[in-house]
Amino acid sequence: MSLHNKKVIQLVSDDFEDLELWYPVLRLREEGAEVVIAGEEENTTYIGKYGVPIKSDISFHDADPDEYDAILVPGGWSPDKLRRYDSILSMVQTMNEQKKPIGQICHAGWVLISADILQGKKVTSTPGIKDDMINAGAEWVNEPVVVDANIVSSRRPPDLPDYMREFIRVLAQ
């Protein structure tokens, strides 16, 4: 298990893309990482776009980015909600400054846009937010996964195996 000493925070709010949240959580746990689910409220159940639930371990308002080795932002409509919280934007900015892995898939790029960390970065996302990513200063490419330093980005559920292979590689370094 390559990640037995790693701790990852997985952000969540309602309307996350079920596979884009659960697949990374399960893959990281298979590799031995501790994955902490962080929602607006602690010990609260959030429901994905297709009805799959997940329960938060902690409130992201109380999360200390120094306690985590990486952060994951899910896709779906959840990122549009998550990016409205200063505590999340601050956490993403801090983790970026510390060069910790930041995973984003599909619409999760919205959180990175609002955190203002994409200037000069090469990334991908769902094509639906391509213009948003470019307008935030990123170089957008249509590839299954893109790694630019600590940012690992991916497009959509069919790309999950590529996304997690690269995220795990970056986190293990």
C-alpha atoms as a PDB file:
ATOM      1  CA  MET A   1       0.000   0.000   0.000  1.00  0.00           C
ATOM      2  CA  SER A   2       1.789   3.030  -1.316  1.00  0.00           C
ATOM      3  CA  LEU A   3      -0.230   5.688   0.549  1.00  0.00           C
ATOM      4  CA  HIS A   4      -0.505   4.228   4.062  1.00  0.00           C
ATOM      5  CA  ASN A   5       0.871   7.422   5.659  1.00  0.00           C
ATOM      6  CA  LYS A   6      -1.174   9.917   3.591  1.00  0.00           C
ATOM      7  CA  LYS A   7      -4.266  11.853   4.672  1.00  0.00           C
ATOM      8  CA  VAL A   8      -6.566  13.299   2.004  1.00  0.00           C
ATOM      9  CA  ILE A   9      -9.527  15.639   2.407  1.00  0.00           C
ATOM     10  CA  GLN A  10     -12.442  14.999   0.028  1.00  0.00           C
ATOM     11  CA  LEU A  11     -14.829  17.944  -0.261  1.00  0.00           C
ATOM     12  CA  VAL A  12     -18.559  17.297  -0.630  1.00  0.00           C
ATOM     13  CA  SER A  13     -21.903  19.031  -0.982  1.00  0.00           C
ATOM     14  CA  ASP A  14     -25.173  17.863  -2.495  1.00  0.00           C
ATOM     15  CA  ASP A  15     -25.356  17.107  -6.221  1.00  0.00           C
ATOM     16  CA  PHE A  16     -21.807  15.774  -6.512  1.00  0.00           C
ATOM     17  CA  GLU A  17     -21.193  13.441  -9.462  1.00  0.00           C
ATOM     18  CA  ASP A  18     -21.470  10.083  -7.729  1.00  0.00           C
ATOM     19  CA  LEU A  19     -18.633   8.269  -9.534  1.00  0.00           C
ATOM     20  CA  GLU A  20     -16.321  11.295  -9.458  1.00  0.00           C
ATOM     21  CA  LEU A  21     -16.523  11.351  -5.668  1.00  0.00           C
ATOM     22  CA  TRP A  22     -16.776   7.680  -4.741  1.00  0.00           C
ATOM     23  CA  TYR A  23     -14.236   6.234  -7.188  1.00  0.00           C
ATOM     24  CA  PRO A  24     -11.351   8.424  -5.888  1.00  0.00           C
ATOM     25  CA  VAL A  25     -12.342   7.795  -2.252  1.00  0.00           C
ATOM     26  CA  LEU A  26     -12.341   4.027  -2.745  1.00  0.00           C
ATOM     27  CA  ARG A  27      -9.126   3.955  -4.813  1.00  0.00           C
ATOM     28  CA  LEU A  28      -7.241   6.031  -2.235  1.00  0.00           C
ATOM     29  CA  ARG A  29      -8.485   3.842   0.599  1.00  0.00           C
ATOM     30  CA  GLU A  30      -7.389   0.760  -1.364  1.00  0.00           C
ATOM     31  CA  GLU A  31      -3.914   2.306  -1.506  1.00  0.00           C
ATOM     32  CA  GLY A  32      -3.935   2.807   2.268  1.00  0.00           C
ATOM     33  CA  ALA A  33      -4.661   6.537   2.459  1.00  0.00           C
ATOM     34  CA  GLU A  34      -6.943   7.977   5.118  1.00  0.00           C
ATOM     35  CA  VAL A  35      -9.701   9.889   3.333  1.00  0.00           C
ATOM     36  CA  VAL A  36     -11.680  12.415   5.368  1.00  0.00           C
ATOM     37  CA  ILE A  37     -15.029  13.537   3.943  1.00  0.00           C
ATOM     38  CA  ALA A  38     -15.621  17.256   4.557  1.00  0.00           C
ATOM     39  CA  GLY A  39     -19.013  18.888   4.060  1.00  0.00           C
ATOM     40  CA  GLU A  40     -20.495  22.152   5.228  1.00  0.00           C
ATOM     41  CA  GLU A  41     -21.667  20.340   8.355  1.00  0.00           C
ATOM     42  CA  GLU A  42     -20.070  17.471  10.252  1.00  0.00           C
ATOM     43  CA  ASN A  43     -21.837  14.098  10.403  1.00  0.00           C
ATOM     44  CA  THR A  44     -24.295  15.032   7.643  1.00  0.00           C
ATOM     45  CA  THR A  45     -25.445  12.943   4.695  1.00  0.00           C
ATOM     46  CA  TYR A  46     -25.015  14.477   1.236  1.00  0.00           C
ATOM     47  CA  ILE A  47     -26.693  13.049  -1.850  1.00  0.00           C
ATOM     48  CA  GLY A  48     -25.113  12.727  -5.285  1.00  0.00           C
ATOM     49  CA  LYS A  49     -26.763  13.567  -8.611  1.00  0.00           C
ATOM     50  CA  TYR A  50     -27.829   9.940  -9.025  1.00  0.00           C
ATOM     51  CA  GLY A  51     -28.920   9.399  -5.428  1.00  0.00           C
ATOM     52  CA  VAL A  52     -25.807   7.832  -3.902  1.00  0.00           C
ATOM     53  CA  PRO A  53     -25.256   9.167  -0.350  1.00  0.00           C
ATOM     54  CA  ILE A  54     -22.070   9.928   1.546  1.00  0.00           C
ATOM     55  CA  LYS A  55     -21.721  11.081   5.157  1.00  0.00           C
ATOM     56  CA  SER A  56     -19.307  13.837   6.144  1.00  0.00           C
ATOM     57  CA  ASP A  57     -16.713  13.203   8.826  1.00  0.00           C
ATOM     58  CA  ILE A  58     -16.027  16.875   9.500  1.00  0.00           C
ATOM     59  CA  SER A  59     -17.096  20.378   8.532  1.00  0.00           C
ATOM     60  CA  PHE A  60     -14.813  21.939   5.955  1.00  0.00           C
ATOM     61  CA  HIS A  61     -15.064  25.171   7.949  1.00  0.00           C
ATOM     62  CA  ASP A  62     -13.084  23.452  10.730  1.00  0.00           C
ATOM     63  CA  ALA A  63     -10.560  21.682   8.485  1.00  0.00           C
ATOM     64  CA  ASP A  64      -6.906  22.653   8.875  1.00  0.00           C
ATOM     65  CA  PRO A  65      -5.093  22.287   5.521  1.00  0.00           C
ATOM     66  CA  ASP A  66      -1.840  21.630   7.388  1.00  0.00           C
ATOM     67  CA  GLU A  67      -3.299  18.297   8.577  1.00  0.00           C
ATOM     68  CA  TYR A  68      -3.749  16.968   5.031  1.00  0.00           C
ATOM     69  CA  ASP A  69      -1.399  15.785   2.305  1.00  0.00           C
ATOM     70  CA  ALA A  70      -3.848  16.426  -0.561  1.00  0.00           C
ATOM     71  CA  ILE A  71      -7.332  17.637  -1.443  1.00  0.00           C
ATOM     72  CA  LEU A  72      -9.958  16.303  -3.856  1.00  0.00           C
ATOM     73  CA  VAL A  73     -12.771  18.366  -5.345  1.00  0.00           C
ATOM     74  CA  PRO A  74     -15.641  16.335  -6.822  1.00  0.00           C
ATOM     75  CA  GLY A  75     -17.426  17.081 -10.056  1.00  0.00           C
ATOM     76  CA  GLY A  76     -21.126  17.428 -10.706  1.00  0.00           C
ATOM     77  CA  TRP A  77     -22.994  20.542  -9.572  1.00  0.00           C
ATOM     78  CA  SER A  78     -21.347  20.396  -6.154  1.00  0.00           C
ATOM     79  CA  PRO A  79     -18.373  22.626  -7.138  1.00  0.00           C
ATOM     80  CA  ASP A  80     -20.697  25.535  -7.918  1.00  0.00           C
ATOM     81  CA  LYS A  81     -21.854  25.357  -4.293  1.00  0.00           C
ATOM     82  CA  LEU A  82     -18.439  24.663  -2.763  1.00  0.00           C
ATOM     83  CA  ARG A  83     -16.750  27.660  -4.388  1.00  0.00           C
ATOM     84  CA  ARG A  84     -19.032  30.023  -2.491  1.00  0.00           C
ATOM     85  CA  TYR A  85     -17.289  29.303   0.837  1.00  0.00           C
ATOM     86  CA  ASP A  86     -14.268  31.382   1.798  1.00  0.00           C
ATOM     87  CA  SER A  87     -13.040  28.522   4.000  1.00  0.00           C
ATOM     88  CA  ILE A  88     -12.790  26.244   0.958  1.00  0.00           C
ATOM     89  CA  LEU A  89     -11.108  28.837  -1.231  1.00  0.00           C
ATOM     90  CA  SER A  90      -8.607  29.577   1.525  1.00  0.00           C
ATOM     91  CA  MET A  91      -7.908  25.853   2.009  1.00  0.00           C
ATOM     92  CA  VAL A  92      -7.319  25.329  -1.717  1.00  0.00           C
ATOM     93  CA  GLN A  93      -5.052  28.379  -1.880  1.00  0.00           C
ATOM     94  CA  THR A  94      -3.045  27.231   1.153  1.00  0.00           C
ATOM     95  CA  MET A  95      -2.629  23.713  -0.194  1.00  0.00           C
ATOM     96  CA  ASN A  96      -1.557  25.127  -3.555  1.00  0.00           C
ATOM     97  CA  GLU A  97       1.018  27.384  -1.884  1.00  0.00           C
ATOM     98  CA  GLN A  98       2.318  24.321  -0.025  1.00  0.00           C
ATOM     99  CA  LYS A  99       2.494  22.397  -3.347  1.00  0.00           C
ATOM    100  CA  LYS A 100       0.170  19.678  -2.042  1.00  0.00           C
ATOM    101  CA  PRO A 101      -1.722  17.644  -4.651  1.00  0.00           C
ATOM    102  CA  ILE A 102      -5.049  19.121  -5.692  1.00  0.00           C
ATOM    103  CA  GLY A 103      -7.337  16.803  -7.635  1.00  0.00           C
ATOM    104  CA  GLN A 104     -10.150  18.206  -9.728  1.00  0.00           C
ATOM    105  CA  ILE A 105     -12.444  16.499 -12.210  1.00  0.00           C
ATOM    106  CA  CYS A 106     -15.260  17.673 -14.469  1.00  0.00           C
ATOM    107  CA  HIS A 107     -16.829  20.864 -13.043  1.00  0.00           C
ATOM    108  CA  ALA A 108     -14.465  20.877 -10.026  1.00  0.00           C
ATOM    109  CA  GLY A 109     -12.362  23.400 -11.922  1.00  0.00           C
ATOM    110  CA  TRP A 110     -14.870  26.019 -10.787  1.00  0.00           C
ATOM    111  CA  VAL A 111     -13.449  25.788  -7.257  1.00  0.00           C
ATOM    112  CA  LEU A 112      -9.881  26.285  -8.523  1.00  0.00           C
ATOM    113  CA  ILE A 113     -11.065  29.217 -10.659  1.00  0.00           C
ATOM    114  CA  SER A 114     -12.680  30.890  -7.652  1.00  0.00           C
ATOM    115  CA  ALA A 115      -9.542  30.191  -5.585  1.00  0.00           C
ATOM    116  CA  ASP A 116      -7.592  32.014  -8.321  1.00  0.00           C
ATOM    117  CA  ILE A 117      -4.849  29.385  -8.675  1.00  0.00           C
ATOM    118  CA  LEU A 118      -5.039  28.532 -12.377  1.00  0.00           C
ATOM    119  CA  GLN A 119      -3.024  31.371 -13.921  1.00  0.00           C
ATOM    120  CA  GLY A 120      -0.444  29.796 -16.255  1.00  0.00           C
ATOM    121  CA  LYS A 121      -1.454  26.215 -15.386  1.00  0.00           C
ATOM    122  CA  LYS A 122      -2.122  23.507 -17.965  1.00  0.00           C
ATOM    123  CA  VAL A 123      -5.391  21.740 -17.094  1.00  0.00           C
ATOM    124  CA  THR A 124      -8.389  19.881 -18.399  1.00  0.00           C
ATOM    125  CA  SER A 125     -12.028  19.676 -17.300  1.00  0.00           C
ATOM    126  CA  THR A 126     -15.383  18.912 -18.771  1.00  0.00           C
ATOM    127  CA  PRO A 127     -15.545  20.850 -22.050  1.00  0.00           C
ATOM    128  CA  GLY A 128     -18.559  22.682 -20.599  1.00  0.00           C
ATOM    129  CA  ILE A 129     -16.281  24.885 -18.460  1.00  0.00           C
ATOM    130  CA  LYS A 130     -13.411  25.151 -20.953  1.00  0.00           C
ATOM    131  CA  ASP A 131     -14.014  28.891 -21.460  1.00  0.00           C
ATOM    132  CA  ASP A 132     -14.161  29.460 -17.690  1.00  0.00           C
ATOM    133  CA  MET A 133     -10.786  27.718 -17.261  1.00  0.00           C
ATOM    134  CA  ILE A 134      -9.211  29.725 -20.095  1.00  0.00           C
ATOM    135  CA  ASN A 135     -10.647  32.991 -18.757  1.00  0.00           C
ATOM    136  CA  ALA A 136      -9.039  32.153 -15.386  1.00  0.00           C
ATOM    137  CA  GLY A 137      -5.649  32.109 -17.116  1.00  0.00           C
ATOM    138  CA  ALA A 138      -5.223  28.369 -17.630  1.00  0.00           C
ATOM    139  CA  GLU A 139      -4.103  26.567 -20.758  1.00  0.00           C
ATOM    140  CA  TRP A 140      -6.969  24.119 -21.365  1.00  0.00           C
ATOM    141  CA  VAL A 141      -6.386  20.850 -23.231  1.00  0.00           C
ATOM    142  CA  ASN A 142      -8.803  18.056 -24.116  1.00  0.00           C
ATOM    143  CA  GLU A 143      -7.013  15.075 -22.550  1.00  0.00           C
ATOM    144  CA  PRO A 144      -8.149  12.401 -20.054  1.00  0.00           C
ATOM    145  CA  VAL A 145      -5.793  13.668 -17.346  1.00  0.00           C
ATOM    146  CA  VAL A 146      -3.322  16.537 -17.046  1.00  0.00           C
ATOM    147  CA  VAL A 147      -0.679  16.968 -14.362  1.00  0.00           C
ATOM    148  CA  ASP A 148       0.848  20.414 -13.903  1.00  0.00           C
ATOM    149  CA  ALA A 149       3.041  20.418 -10.800  1.00  0.00           C
ATOM    150  CA  ASN A 150       0.622  19.704  -7.911  1.00  0.00           C
ATOM    151  CA  ILE A 151      -2.629  20.085  -9.859  1.00  0.00           C
ATOM    152  CA  VAL A 152      -4.110  16.888 -11.301  1.00  0.00           C
ATOM    153  CA  SER A 153      -7.122  17.499 -13.529  1.00  0.00           C
ATOM    154  CA  SER A 154      -9.467  15.254 -15.460  1.00  0.00           C
ATOM    155  CA  ARG A 155     -12.546  15.521 -17.674  1.00  0.00           C
ATOM    156  CA  ARG A 156     -15.318  13.073 -16.726  1.00  0.00           C
ATOM    157  CA  PRO A 157     -16.165   9.596 -15.349  1.00  0.00           C
ATOM    158  CA  PRO A 158     -14.681   7.528 -18.226  1.00  0.00           C
ATOM    159  CA  ASP A 159     -11.312   9.151 -17.395  1.00  0.00           C
ATOM    160  CA  LEU A 160     -11.358   8.119 -13.723  1.00  0.00           C
ATOM    161  CA  PRO A 161      -8.777   5.300 -14.054  1.00  0.00           C
ATOM    162  CA  ASP A 162      -6.270   7.676 -15.702  1.00  0.00           C
ATOM    163  CA  TYR A 163      -7.102  10.427 -13.207  1.00  0.00           C
ATOM    164  CA  MET A 164      -6.581   8.293 -10.142  1.00  0.00           C
ATOM    165  CA  ARG A 165      -3.433   6.625 -11.480  1.00  0.00           C
ATOM    166  CA  GLU A 166      -1.835  10.061 -11.851  1.00  0.00           C
ATOM    167  CA  PHE A 167      -3.237  11.477  -8.611  1.00  0.00           C
ATOM    168  CA  ILE A 168      -1.915   8.493  -6.659  1.00  0.00           C
ATOM    169  CA  ARG A 169       1.475   8.839  -8.372  1.00  0.00           C
ATOM    170  CA  VAL A 170       1.711  12.544  -7.496  1.00  0.00           C
ATOM    171  CA  LEU A 171       0.563  11.943  -3.908  1.00  0.00           C
ATOM    172  CA  ALA A 172       3.069   9.117  -3.418  1.00  0.00           C
ATOM    173  CA  GLN A 173       6.017  11.343  -4.393  1.00  0.00           C
END
